[in-house]
Amino acid sequence: MRLTDIQKPRVLPLWIFPMDSPLKEISISEEKIANSLHPRRAKEYKHARSYVRFALSQFFKLNPLEIPLKASIGKAPLLGNNLGHVSFSHCNDALLIGWSPTKLGVDIERSDRALSAEGISERFFHKYDQNNLKSLNNEDFRKKVLEQWVIKEAAIKWQRGTLSKDLKNWHIKNKSNVAIHQTLNHEVKIQTTIYRSWIIAIASNDNQGKGDLMICAN
């Protein structure tokens, strides 16, 4: 099956699976990689790949092991056979998966996550974003720093970059849904939403309008 064989979705599909969900099928090569990892990392690796396969198998009506997924550790996941693009992210209790006919990046965090907001802003954020955060009180400041962190991670995944090299270079255009990479002149549209206890960000230049998200959650 190829992307041209199916109707492009009117919405951007997202899936959320609890991190304690039972593992599903993965490929033989993925099993070999998992067996070389520390047990905790191996379980995380298996969980992500198995549920990407499970979600996309339902979407494309294929067997999970027929999904042409290549998701090496530390690299952006790739789909073969011209089946579009997939991105995934996890926090301590959930896995988020997103699919689009064009390149995308997704990120998820618990909306109540405790963090050193001031330290993160000063160390990792662009001066432009730091200035926009100065007037906020403590809780609003924490929420905004968390939101911007999730946005920047989604943008970096869209870019196929790295946190160490690119985090400080991404900033959010004031009062807009656009993130900009200062040195590479990349520009990407951003959507954010609060769903249950999570904050979600999607970076994509597809034509889905704001709010056109389809979230499937267990």
N, C-alpha and C. Protein backbone atom coordinates (compact mmCIF):
# COMPACT_ATOMS: atom_id res chain seq x y z
N MET A 1 0.85 -1.20 0.00
CA MET A 1 0.00 0.00 0.00
C MET A 1 0.88 1.25 0.00
N ARG A 2 0.47 2.27 -0.74
CA ARG A 2 1.18 3.55 -0.78
C ARG A 2 0.22 4.65 -0.35
N LEU A 3 0.79 5.80 0.04
CA LEU A 3 -0.04 6.90 0.51
C LEU A 3 -1.03 7.34 -0.56
N THR A 4 -0.65 7.23 -1.84
CA THR A 4 -1.55 7.63 -2.91
C THR A 4 -2.75 6.70 -3.04
N ASP A 5 -2.67 5.54 -2.38
CA ASP A 5 -3.77 4.57 -2.46
C ASP A 5 -4.87 4.85 -1.44
N ILE A 6 -4.62 5.76 -0.49
CA ILE A 6 -5.62 6.05 0.53
C ILE A 6 -5.98 7.52 0.50
N GLN A 7 -7.13 7.84 1.01
CA GLN A 7 -7.55 9.24 1.08
C GLN A 7 -6.82 9.92 2.23
N LYS A 8 -6.23 11.08 1.97
CA LYS A 8 -5.54 11.81 3.04
C LYS A 8 -6.55 12.24 4.09
N PRO A 9 -6.21 12.12 5.37
CA PRO A 9 -7.17 12.46 6.43
C PRO A 9 -7.43 13.95 6.50
N ARG A 10 -8.65 14.31 6.91
CA ARG A 10 -8.99 15.71 7.08
C ARG A 10 -8.45 16.26 8.38
N VAL A 11 -8.07 15.38 9.28
CA VAL A 11 -7.53 15.79 10.57
C VAL A 11 -6.20 15.10 10.78
N LEU A 12 -5.43 15.60 11.73
CA LEU A 12 -4.15 14.99 12.06
C LEU A 12 -4.37 13.96 13.15
N PRO A 13 -4.15 12.67 12.87
CA PRO A 13 -4.43 11.64 13.87
C PRO A 13 -3.32 11.52 14.91
N LEU A 14 -3.73 11.40 16.16
CA LEU A 14 -2.82 11.19 17.28
C LEU A 14 -3.33 10.01 18.10
N TRP A 15 -2.40 9.27 18.67
CA TRP A 15 -2.77 8.17 19.55
C TRP A 15 -2.02 8.34 20.87
N ILE A 16 -2.69 8.05 21.99
CA ILE A 16 -2.06 8.06 23.31
C ILE A 16 -2.28 6.70 23.96
N PHE A 17 -1.19 6.10 24.42
CA PHE A 17 -1.25 4.80 25.09
C PHE A 17 -0.55 4.90 26.44
N PRO A 18 -1.15 4.35 27.50
CA PRO A 18 -0.49 4.35 28.81
C PRO A 18 0.84 3.59 28.74
N MET A 19 1.82 4.04 29.50
CA MET A 19 3.13 3.39 29.49
C MET A 19 3.09 2.01 30.13
N ASP A 20 2.03 1.71 30.90
CA ASP A 20 1.93 0.38 31.51
C ASP A 20 1.07 -0.57 30.67
N SER A 21 0.75 -0.19 29.43
CA SER A 21 -0.01 -1.08 28.54
C SER A 21 0.83 -2.31 28.20
N PRO A 22 0.21 -3.47 28.04
CA PRO A 22 0.97 -4.68 27.68
C PRO A 22 1.64 -4.53 26.33
N LEU A 23 2.85 -5.08 26.20
CA LEU A 23 3.60 -4.96 24.96
C LEU A 23 2.92 -5.72 23.84
N LYS A 24 3.10 -5.20 22.62
CA LYS A 24 2.55 -5.85 21.43
C LYS A 24 3.70 -6.28 20.51
N GLU A 25 3.35 -6.66 19.28
CA GLU A 25 4.33 -7.24 18.37
C GLU A 25 5.38 -6.23 17.90
N ILE A 26 6.63 -6.68 17.81
CA ILE A 26 7.69 -5.91 17.15
C ILE A 26 8.44 -6.87 16.23
N SER A 27 9.28 -6.31 15.38
CA SER A 27 10.00 -7.13 14.41
C SER A 27 11.15 -7.89 15.07
N ILE A 28 11.69 -8.85 14.34
CA ILE A 28 12.82 -9.63 14.84
C ILE A 28 14.03 -8.72 15.07
N SER A 29 14.28 -7.80 14.14
CA SER A 29 15.42 -6.89 14.30
C SER A 29 15.23 -5.97 15.49
N GLU A 30 14.00 -5.55 15.76
CA GLU A 30 13.72 -4.72 16.93
C GLU A 30 13.92 -5.52 18.21
N GLU A 31 13.54 -6.79 18.20
CA GLU A 31 13.77 -7.66 19.37
C GLU A 31 15.27 -7.76 19.67
N LYS A 32 16.08 -7.89 18.64
CA LYS A 32 17.53 -8.00 18.82
C LYS A 32 18.09 -6.73 19.44
N ILE A 33 17.63 -5.60 18.97
CA ILE A 33 18.09 -4.32 19.54
C ILE A 33 17.66 -4.22 21.00
N ALA A 34 16.41 -4.56 21.28
CA ALA A 34 15.89 -4.47 22.65
C ALA A 34 16.69 -5.36 23.59
N ASN A 35 17.09 -6.54 23.12
CA ASN A 35 17.85 -7.47 23.96
C ASN A 35 19.23 -6.96 24.33
N SER A 36 19.71 -5.96 23.60
CA SER A 36 21.03 -5.39 23.90
C SER A 36 20.96 -4.22 24.88
N LEU A 37 19.74 -3.84 25.27
CA LEU A 37 19.55 -2.67 26.12
C LEU A 37 19.35 -3.06 27.57
N HIS A 38 19.54 -2.08 28.47
CA HIS A 38 19.19 -2.25 29.87
C HIS A 38 17.69 -2.57 29.96
N PRO A 39 17.28 -3.45 30.88
CA PRO A 39 15.87 -3.89 30.93
C PRO A 39 14.85 -2.75 30.92
N ARG A 40 15.09 -1.70 31.66
CA ARG A 40 14.12 -0.60 31.69
C ARG A 40 14.06 0.10 30.33
N ARG A 41 15.24 0.33 29.73
CA ARG A 41 15.29 0.97 28.42
C ARG A 41 14.70 0.04 27.35
N ALA A 42 14.94 -1.26 27.50
CA ALA A 42 14.40 -2.23 26.54
C ALA A 42 12.87 -2.22 26.55
N LYS A 43 12.28 -2.14 27.74
CA LYS A 43 10.82 -2.12 27.82
C LYS A 43 10.26 -0.86 27.16
N GLU A 44 10.90 0.27 27.39
CA GLU A 44 10.49 1.53 26.78
C GLU A 44 10.61 1.45 25.25
N TYR A 45 11.72 0.88 24.79
CA TYR A 45 11.95 0.73 23.35
C TYR A 45 10.87 -0.16 22.72
N LYS A 46 10.60 -1.31 23.34
CA LYS A 46 9.60 -2.23 22.83
C LYS A 46 8.20 -1.60 22.84
N HIS A 47 7.90 -0.90 23.92
CA HIS A 47 6.57 -0.29 24.05
C HIS A 47 6.33 0.70 22.92
N ALA A 48 7.29 1.57 22.66
CA ALA A 48 7.11 2.59 21.62
C ALA A 48 6.96 1.95 20.25
N ARG A 49 7.87 1.05 19.89
CA ARG A 49 7.80 0.45 18.55
C ARG A 49 6.56 -0.41 18.37
N SER A 50 6.18 -1.15 19.42
CA SER A 50 5.02 -2.03 19.27
C SER A 50 3.74 -1.23 19.10
N TYR A 51 3.61 -0.10 19.81
CA TYR A 51 2.38 0.67 19.69
C TYR A 51 2.35 1.56 18.46
N VAL A 52 3.52 1.96 17.96
CA VAL A 52 3.54 2.62 16.65
C VAL A 52 3.04 1.65 15.60
N ARG A 53 3.54 0.42 15.64
CA ARG A 53 3.08 -0.60 14.69
C ARG A 53 1.59 -0.87 14.86
N PHE A 54 1.13 -0.98 16.10
CA PHE A 54 -0.28 -1.26 16.36
C PHE A 54 -1.18 -0.14 15.85
N ALA A 55 -0.83 1.11 16.16
CA ALA A 55 -1.66 2.25 15.74
C ALA A 55 -1.72 2.35 14.22
N LEU A 56 -0.56 2.27 13.59
CA LEU A 56 -0.52 2.42 12.13
C LEU A 56 -1.13 1.22 11.42
N SER A 57 -1.07 0.05 12.03
CA SER A 57 -1.70 -1.12 11.41
C SER A 57 -3.22 -0.92 11.33
N GLN A 58 -3.80 -0.30 12.35
CA GLN A 58 -5.23 -0.01 12.31
C GLN A 58 -5.55 1.09 11.29
N PHE A 59 -4.65 2.07 11.23
CA PHE A 59 -4.86 3.20 10.32
C PHE A 59 -4.76 2.77 8.86
N PHE A 60 -3.75 1.95 8.54
CA PHE A 60 -3.53 1.52 7.16
C PHE A 60 -4.16 0.17 6.83
N LYS A 61 -4.74 -0.48 7.86
CA LYS A 61 -5.35 -1.80 7.68
C LYS A 61 -4.30 -2.81 7.16
N LEU A 62 -3.18 -2.84 7.86
CA LEU A 62 -2.09 -3.77 7.58
C LEU A 62 -1.77 -4.55 8.83
N ASN A 63 -1.11 -5.69 8.66
CA ASN A 63 -0.57 -6.41 9.81
C ASN A 63 0.51 -5.54 10.47
N PRO A 64 0.57 -5.50 11.81
CA PRO A 64 1.58 -4.65 12.48
C PRO A 64 3.01 -4.89 11.98
N LEU A 65 3.35 -6.14 11.69
CA LEU A 65 4.71 -6.43 11.24
C LEU A 65 4.94 -6.07 9.77
N GLU A 66 3.87 -5.69 9.07
CA GLU A 66 4.01 -5.22 7.70
C GLU A 66 4.22 -3.71 7.62
N ILE A 67 4.08 -3.03 8.74
CA ILE A 67 4.34 -1.59 8.75
C ILE A 67 5.84 -1.38 8.51
N PRO A 68 6.23 -0.66 7.45
CA PRO A 68 7.64 -0.49 7.11
C PRO A 68 8.32 0.56 7.98
N LEU A 69 8.43 0.26 9.27
CA LEU A 69 8.95 1.21 10.26
C LEU A 69 10.44 1.01 10.48
N LYS A 70 11.18 2.10 10.44
CA LYS A 70 12.58 2.09 10.83
C LYS A 70 12.74 3.15 11.91
N ALA A 71 12.94 2.70 13.14
CA ALA A 71 13.00 3.64 14.27
C ALA A 71 14.21 3.30 15.11
N SER A 72 15.39 3.71 14.62
CA SER A 72 16.64 3.47 15.34
C SER A 72 16.71 4.36 16.58
N ILE A 73 17.44 3.92 17.58
CA ILE A 73 17.60 4.68 18.81
C ILE A 73 18.30 6.00 18.51
N GLY A 74 17.72 7.10 18.98
CA GLY A 74 18.34 8.40 18.81
C GLY A 74 18.16 9.03 17.45
N LYS A 75 17.38 8.39 16.56
CA LYS A 75 17.13 8.95 15.24
C LYS A 75 15.63 9.07 14.98
N ALA A 76 15.28 9.98 14.09
CA ALA A 76 13.86 10.17 13.77
C ALA A 76 13.30 8.91 13.11
N PRO A 77 12.10 8.48 13.49
CA PRO A 77 11.50 7.29 12.86
C PRO A 77 11.13 7.56 11.41
N LEU A 78 11.27 6.52 10.59
CA LEU A 78 10.97 6.63 9.17
C LEU A 78 9.95 5.57 8.78
N LEU A 79 9.08 5.93 7.83
CA LEU A 79 8.14 4.97 7.25
C LEU A 79 8.50 4.77 5.78
N GLY A 80 8.58 3.52 5.36
CA GLY A 80 8.87 3.22 3.97
C GLY A 80 7.60 3.17 3.14
N ASN A 81 7.76 2.78 1.88
CA ASN A 81 6.64 2.59 0.95
C ASN A 81 5.79 3.83 0.77
N ASN A 82 6.40 4.99 0.98
CA ASN A 82 5.69 6.26 0.78
C ASN A 82 4.42 6.35 1.64
N LEU A 83 4.53 5.86 2.88
CA LEU A 83 3.37 5.85 3.77
C LEU A 83 3.28 7.09 4.67
N GLY A 84 3.97 8.15 4.33
CA GLY A 84 3.88 9.36 5.13
C GLY A 84 4.92 9.42 6.21
N HIS A 85 4.59 10.11 7.30
CA HIS A 85 5.56 10.40 8.35
C HIS A 85 4.95 10.11 9.73
N VAL A 86 5.78 9.62 10.63
CA VAL A 86 5.35 9.31 11.98
C VAL A 86 6.32 9.93 12.96
N SER A 87 5.81 10.35 14.10
CA SER A 87 6.64 10.87 15.19
C SER A 87 6.04 10.37 16.49
N PHE A 88 6.89 10.13 17.49
CA PHE A 88 6.34 9.70 18.78
C PHE A 88 7.17 10.28 19.91
N SER A 89 6.53 10.33 21.08
CA SER A 89 7.14 10.91 22.27
C SER A 89 6.52 10.25 23.49
N HIS A 90 7.28 10.17 24.58
CA HIS A 90 6.70 9.62 25.80
C HIS A 90 7.07 10.50 27.00
N CYS A 91 6.20 10.47 27.98
CA CYS A 91 6.50 11.04 29.29
C CYS A 91 6.44 9.90 30.28
N ASN A 92 6.35 10.18 31.58
CA ASN A 92 6.46 9.07 32.54
C ASN A 92 5.25 8.14 32.54
N ASP A 93 4.10 8.57 32.00
CA ASP A 93 2.94 7.69 32.05
C ASP A 93 2.20 7.53 30.72
N ALA A 94 2.73 8.08 29.63
CA ALA A 94 2.01 8.00 28.36
C ALA A 94 2.95 8.05 27.16
N LEU A 95 2.51 7.39 26.09
CA LEU A 95 3.18 7.44 24.79
C LEU A 95 2.26 8.15 23.82
N LEU A 96 2.80 9.15 23.11
CA LEU A 96 2.06 9.89 22.09
C LEU A 96 2.63 9.53 20.72
N ILE A 97 1.74 9.22 19.78
CA ILE A 97 2.13 8.91 18.40
C ILE A 97 1.34 9.83 17.47
N GLY A 98 2.02 10.41 16.50
CA GLY A 98 1.35 11.24 15.50
C GLY A 98 1.72 10.81 14.10
N TRP A 99 0.77 10.93 13.18
CA TRP A 99 1.03 10.59 11.77
C TRP A 99 0.56 11.75 10.90
N SER A 100 1.28 11.98 9.80
CA SER A 100 0.91 13.01 8.85
C SER A 100 1.43 12.62 7.47
N PRO A 101 0.76 13.07 6.38
CA PRO A 101 1.31 12.85 5.05
C PRO A 101 2.58 13.65 4.80
N THR A 102 2.82 14.69 5.61
CA THR A 102 4.04 15.48 5.52
C THR A 102 4.80 15.38 6.84
N LYS A 103 6.03 15.86 6.83
CA LYS A 103 6.90 15.76 8.00
C LYS A 103 6.27 16.40 9.22
N LEU A 104 6.42 15.76 10.39
CA LEU A 104 5.89 16.32 11.63
C LEU A 104 6.78 15.93 12.80
N GLY A 105 6.55 16.60 13.93
CA GLY A 105 7.17 16.25 15.20
C GLY A 105 6.15 16.41 16.29
N VAL A 106 6.13 15.49 17.26
CA VAL A 106 5.18 15.59 18.37
C VAL A 106 5.93 15.46 19.70
N ASP A 107 5.34 16.04 20.73
CA ASP A 107 5.91 15.88 22.07
C ASP A 107 4.80 15.93 23.10
N ILE A 108 5.02 15.24 24.23
CA ILE A 108 4.01 15.16 25.30
C ILE A 108 4.70 15.26 26.65
N GLU A 109 4.06 15.94 27.58
CA GLU A 109 4.49 15.98 28.98
C GLU A 109 3.25 16.08 29.85
N ARG A 110 3.37 15.65 31.09
CA ARG A 110 2.28 15.87 32.04
C ARG A 110 2.16 17.37 32.31
N SER A 111 0.94 17.87 32.31
CA SER A 111 0.74 19.30 32.51
C SER A 111 1.06 19.74 33.93
N ASP A 112 1.10 18.79 34.89
CA ASP A 112 1.42 19.13 36.27
C ASP A 112 2.89 18.84 36.62
N ARG A 113 3.72 18.61 35.61
CA ARG A 113 5.11 18.26 35.87
C ARG A 113 5.83 19.36 36.63
N ALA A 114 6.50 18.98 37.72
CA ALA A 114 7.31 19.93 38.47
C ALA A 114 8.65 20.11 37.74
N LEU A 115 9.09 21.35 37.62
CA LEU A 115 10.36 21.61 36.96
C LEU A 115 10.95 22.92 37.43
N SER A 116 12.25 23.07 37.26
CA SER A 116 12.94 24.31 37.61
C SER A 116 12.78 25.27 36.44
N ALA A 117 11.63 25.94 36.41
CA ALA A 117 11.26 26.74 35.25
C ALA A 117 12.27 27.86 34.98
N GLU A 118 12.68 28.55 36.02
CA GLU A 118 13.61 29.67 35.82
C GLU A 118 14.96 29.17 35.28
N GLY A 119 15.44 28.07 35.86
CA GLY A 119 16.71 27.52 35.41
C GLY A 119 16.66 27.04 33.97
N ILE A 120 15.55 26.39 33.59
CA ILE A 120 15.39 25.91 32.22
C ILE A 120 15.35 27.08 31.25
N SER A 121 14.58 28.11 31.60
CA SER A 121 14.48 29.28 30.73
C SER A 121 15.84 29.93 30.53
N GLU A 122 16.57 30.13 31.62
CA GLU A 122 17.86 30.83 31.51
C GLU A 122 18.91 30.01 30.76
N ARG A 123 18.87 28.71 30.93
CA ARG A 123 19.90 27.85 30.34
C ARG A 123 19.60 27.45 28.89
N PHE A 124 18.32 27.22 28.59
CA PHE A 124 18.01 26.58 27.31
C PHE A 124 17.21 27.44 26.33
N PHE A 125 16.57 28.53 26.81
CA PHE A 125 15.68 29.28 25.93
C PHE A 125 16.39 30.44 25.26
N HIS A 126 15.91 30.75 24.08
CA HIS A 126 16.39 31.90 23.33
C HIS A 126 16.02 33.19 24.10
N LYS A 127 16.86 34.22 23.97
CA LYS A 127 16.62 35.49 24.67
C LYS A 127 15.25 36.07 24.34
N TYR A 128 14.80 35.86 23.13
CA TYR A 128 13.49 36.35 22.70
C TYR A 128 12.40 35.76 23.58
N ASP A 129 12.48 34.45 23.82
CA ASP A 129 11.47 33.78 24.64
C ASP A 129 11.61 34.16 26.11
N GLN A 130 12.84 34.30 26.59
CA GLN A 130 13.07 34.71 27.98
C GLN A 130 12.39 36.05 28.25
N ASN A 131 12.52 36.98 27.34
CA ASN A 131 11.92 38.31 27.52
C ASN A 131 10.40 38.24 27.57
N ASN A 132 9.81 37.35 26.79
CA ASN A 132 8.35 37.22 26.78
C ASN A 132 7.80 36.56 28.04
N LEU A 133 8.68 35.93 28.83
CA LEU A 133 8.24 35.22 30.04
C LEU A 133 8.39 36.06 31.31
N LYS A 134 9.09 37.18 31.22
CA LYS A 134 9.48 37.94 32.41
C LYS A 134 8.31 38.42 33.25
N SER A 135 7.19 38.75 32.64
CA SER A 135 6.08 39.38 33.37
C SER A 135 5.17 38.37 34.06
N LEU A 136 5.41 37.07 33.91
CA LEU A 136 4.49 36.05 34.43
C LEU A 136 4.77 35.73 35.89
N ASN A 137 3.69 35.39 36.63
CA ASN A 137 3.88 34.97 38.02
C ASN A 137 4.37 33.52 38.06
N ASN A 138 4.62 33.00 39.25
CA ASN A 138 5.30 31.70 39.39
C ASN A 138 4.60 30.56 38.66
N GLU A 139 3.29 30.36 38.90
CA GLU A 139 2.60 29.22 38.29
C GLU A 139 2.41 29.43 36.79
N ASP A 140 2.04 30.64 36.38
CA ASP A 140 1.91 30.91 34.96
C ASP A 140 3.26 30.77 34.26
N PHE A 141 4.32 31.16 34.97
CA PHE A 141 5.67 31.03 34.43
C PHE A 141 6.01 29.56 34.22
N ARG A 142 5.72 28.71 35.22
CA ARG A 142 5.99 27.27 35.10
C ARG A 142 5.22 26.68 33.92
N LYS A 143 3.94 27.02 33.81
CA LYS A 143 3.12 26.48 32.73
C LYS A 143 3.64 26.91 31.36
N LYS A 144 4.05 28.17 31.25
CA LYS A 144 4.51 28.68 29.96
C LYS A 144 5.87 28.08 29.59
N VAL A 145 6.76 27.92 30.57
CA VAL A 145 8.05 27.29 30.29
C VAL A 145 7.84 25.85 29.84
N LEU A 146 6.94 25.13 30.53
CA LEU A 146 6.65 23.75 30.14
C LEU A 146 6.07 23.70 28.73
N GLU A 147 5.13 24.58 28.44
CA GLU A 147 4.54 24.62 27.11
C GLU A 147 5.59 24.90 26.04
N GLN A 148 6.49 25.86 26.32
CA GLN A 148 7.51 26.19 25.32
C GLN A 148 8.51 25.06 25.16
N TRP A 149 8.82 24.35 26.26
CA TRP A 149 9.72 23.21 26.16
C TRP A 149 9.12 22.14 25.24
N VAL A 150 7.83 21.85 25.43
CA VAL A 150 7.15 20.83 24.61
C VAL A 150 7.11 21.27 23.15
N ILE A 151 6.84 22.54 22.91
CA ILE A 151 6.83 23.07 21.55
C ILE A 151 8.20 22.93 20.90
N LYS A 152 9.25 23.31 21.64
CA LYS A 152 10.60 23.24 21.08
C LYS A 152 11.01 21.81 20.78
N GLU A 153 10.64 20.86 21.66
CA GLU A 153 10.96 19.46 21.40
C GLU A 153 10.23 18.98 20.14
N ALA A 154 8.98 19.35 19.97
CA ALA A 154 8.25 18.96 18.76
C ALA A 154 8.90 19.56 17.52
N ALA A 155 9.31 20.82 17.61
CA ALA A 155 9.96 21.48 16.47
C ALA A 155 11.29 20.81 16.12
N ILE A 156 12.04 20.41 17.14
CA ILE A 156 13.32 19.74 16.89
C ILE A 156 13.09 18.38 16.23
N LYS A 157 12.04 17.68 16.64
CA LYS A 157 11.73 16.40 15.98
C LYS A 157 11.30 16.62 14.54
N TRP A 158 10.52 17.68 14.29
CA TRP A 158 10.16 18.03 12.92
C TRP A 158 11.41 18.33 12.10
N GLN A 159 12.34 19.05 12.69
CA GLN A 159 13.59 19.44 12.02
C GLN A 159 14.51 18.26 11.78
N ARG A 160 14.38 17.19 12.59
CA ARG A 160 15.33 16.07 12.64
C ARG A 160 16.65 16.56 13.23
N GLY A 161 16.54 17.44 14.25
CA GLY A 161 17.72 17.97 14.91
C GLY A 161 17.99 17.28 16.24
N THR A 162 18.72 17.96 17.12
CA THR A 162 19.04 17.43 18.44
C THR A 162 18.81 18.51 19.50
N LEU A 163 18.47 18.06 20.71
CA LEU A 163 18.27 19.01 21.80
C LEU A 163 19.53 19.81 22.07
N SER A 164 20.68 19.14 22.10
CA SER A 164 21.93 19.81 22.47
C SER A 164 22.30 20.92 21.49
N LYS A 165 22.03 20.72 20.21
CA LYS A 165 22.43 21.71 19.20
C LYS A 165 21.35 22.74 18.89
N ASP A 166 20.09 22.36 19.04
CA ASP A 166 19.02 23.19 18.47
C ASP A 166 18.06 23.83 19.47
N LEU A 167 18.07 23.38 20.72
CA LEU A 167 17.07 23.87 21.67
C LEU A 167 17.08 25.38 21.82
N LYS A 168 18.28 25.97 21.94
CA LYS A 168 18.37 27.42 22.13
C LYS A 168 18.06 28.20 20.87
N ASN A 169 18.11 27.55 19.73
CA ASN A 169 17.91 28.25 18.46
C ASN A 169 16.44 28.38 18.07
N TRP A 170 15.59 27.54 18.66
CA TRP A 170 14.16 27.64 18.35
C TRP A 170 13.50 28.66 19.28
N HIS A 171 12.68 29.53 18.71
CA HIS A 171 11.85 30.39 19.55
C HIS A 171 10.46 30.49 18.95
N ILE A 172 9.51 30.85 19.80
CA ILE A 172 8.11 30.91 19.39
C ILE A 172 7.77 32.34 19.03
N LYS A 173 7.31 32.53 17.83
CA LYS A 173 6.94 33.86 17.37
C LYS A 173 5.81 34.40 18.23
N ASN A 174 5.95 35.62 18.70
CA ASN A 174 5.02 36.19 19.67
C ASN A 174 3.59 36.20 19.15
N LYS A 175 2.67 35.66 19.98
CA LYS A 175 1.24 35.64 19.70
C LYS A 175 0.94 34.99 18.35
N SER A 176 1.61 33.89 18.08
CA SER A 176 1.34 33.17 16.83
C SER A 176 1.52 31.68 17.07
N ASN A 177 1.20 30.90 16.08
CA ASN A 177 1.37 29.45 16.17
C ASN A 177 2.55 29.01 15.29
N VAL A 178 3.61 29.80 15.31
CA VAL A 178 4.78 29.55 14.47
C VAL A 178 6.04 29.52 15.33
N ALA A 179 6.88 28.52 15.09
CA ALA A 179 8.19 28.46 15.73
C ALA A 179 9.26 28.69 14.65
N ILE A 180 10.33 29.38 15.04
CA ILE A 180 11.37 29.78 14.10
C ILE A 180 12.74 29.34 14.62
N HIS A 181 13.54 28.77 13.73
CA HIS A 181 14.93 28.41 14.06
C HIS A 181 15.81 29.58 13.62
N GLN A 182 16.49 30.18 14.57
CA GLN A 182 17.21 31.42 14.32
C GLN A 182 18.35 31.27 13.32
N THR A 183 19.10 30.19 13.38
CA THR A 183 20.29 30.07 12.53
C THR A 183 20.02 29.38 11.20
N LEU A 184 19.05 28.47 11.16
CA LEU A 184 18.77 27.74 9.93
C LEU A 184 17.60 28.32 9.14
N ASN A 185 16.92 29.32 9.72
CA ASN A 185 15.76 29.96 9.09
C ASN A 185 14.61 28.99 8.82
N HIS A 186 14.55 27.92 9.60
CA HIS A 186 13.40 27.03 9.52
C HIS A 186 12.19 27.72 10.16
N GLU A 187 11.01 27.45 9.64
CA GLU A 187 9.77 27.96 10.21
C GLU A 187 8.74 26.85 10.15
N VAL A 188 8.06 26.58 11.26
CA VAL A 188 7.09 25.49 11.30
C VAL A 188 5.86 25.92 12.08
N LYS A 189 4.71 25.43 11.65
CA LYS A 189 3.46 25.71 12.36
C LYS A 189 3.36 24.81 13.59
N ILE A 190 2.80 25.37 14.65
CA ILE A 190 2.70 24.66 15.93
C ILE A 190 1.24 24.61 16.37
N GLN A 191 0.84 23.45 16.87
CA GLN A 191 -0.45 23.31 17.55
C GLN A 191 -0.16 22.78 18.95
N THR A 192 -0.84 23.33 19.95
CA THR A 192 -0.73 22.80 21.31
C THR A 192 -2.13 22.56 21.85
N THR A 193 -2.23 21.57 22.71
CA THR A 193 -3.52 21.28 23.33
C THR A 193 -3.27 20.62 24.68
N ILE A 194 -4.19 20.83 25.60
CA ILE A 194 -4.21 20.10 26.86
C ILE A 194 -5.24 18.98 26.72
N TYR A 195 -4.80 17.75 26.92
CA TYR A 195 -5.71 16.61 26.84
C TYR A 195 -5.56 15.80 28.12
N ARG A 196 -6.65 15.71 28.89
CA ARG A 196 -6.61 15.05 30.20
C ARG A 196 -5.49 15.68 31.03
N SER A 197 -4.49 14.89 31.42
CA SER A 197 -3.43 15.44 32.30
C SER A 197 -2.15 15.73 31.54
N TRP A 198 -2.24 15.85 30.19
CA TRP A 198 -1.04 16.05 29.39
C TRP A 198 -1.11 17.32 28.55
N ILE A 199 0.04 17.89 28.31
CA ILE A 199 0.16 18.96 27.32
C ILE A 199 0.85 18.37 26.10
N ILE A 200 0.31 18.65 24.94
CA ILE A 200 0.76 18.06 23.68
C ILE A 200 1.11 19.18 22.71
N ALA A 201 2.20 19.00 21.97
CA ALA A 201 2.56 19.93 20.90
C ALA A 201 2.82 19.15 19.62
N ILE A 202 2.37 19.73 18.51
CA ILE A 202 2.58 19.13 17.19
C ILE A 202 3.19 20.18 16.29
N ALA A 203 4.30 19.85 15.67
CA ALA A 203 4.95 20.72 14.69
C ALA A 203 4.75 20.11 13.31
N SER A 204 4.10 20.83 12.42
CA SER A 204 3.81 20.30 11.09
C SER A 204 3.41 21.46 10.18
N ASN A 205 3.79 21.36 8.92
CA ASN A 205 3.34 22.36 7.95
C ASN A 205 2.26 21.82 7.03
N ASP A 206 1.58 20.76 7.48
CA ASP A 206 0.43 20.27 6.74
C ASP A 206 -0.70 21.29 6.87
N ASN A 207 -1.78 21.06 6.17
CA ASN A 207 -2.85 22.06 6.10
C ASN A 207 -3.93 21.91 7.15
N GLN A 208 -3.71 21.05 8.15
CA GLN A 208 -4.71 20.94 9.21
C GLN A 208 -4.82 22.27 9.95
N GLY A 209 -6.04 22.72 10.15
CA GLY A 209 -6.24 23.95 10.89
C GLY A 209 -6.16 23.69 12.39
N LYS A 210 -6.08 24.76 13.15
CA LYS A 210 -5.99 24.61 14.60
C LYS A 210 -7.26 23.95 15.11
N GLY A 211 -7.08 22.94 15.93
CA GLY A 211 -8.21 22.21 16.49
C GLY A 211 -8.56 20.96 15.71
N ASP A 212 -7.99 20.81 14.49
CA ASP A 212 -8.29 19.62 13.68
C ASP A 212 -7.39 18.47 14.07
N LEU A 213 -7.54 18.01 15.30
CA LEU A 213 -6.77 16.88 15.82
C LEU A 213 -7.73 15.76 16.18
N MET A 214 -7.35 14.55 15.86
CA MET A 214 -8.14 13.39 16.25
C MET A 214 -7.31 12.57 17.22
N ILE A 215 -7.67 12.60 18.50
CA ILE A 215 -6.91 11.91 19.53
C ILE A 215 -7.61 10.62 19.91
N CYS A 216 -6.90 9.51 19.73
CA CYS A 216 -7.40 8.20 20.13
C CYS A 216 -6.65 7.80 21.39
N ALA A 217 -7.34 7.59 22.48
CA ALA A 217 -6.67 7.29 23.75
C ALA A 217 -7.35 6.11 24.42
N ASN A 218 -6.52 5.26 25.07
CA ASN A 218 -7.04 4.13 25.86
C ASN A 218 -7.29 4.58 27.28
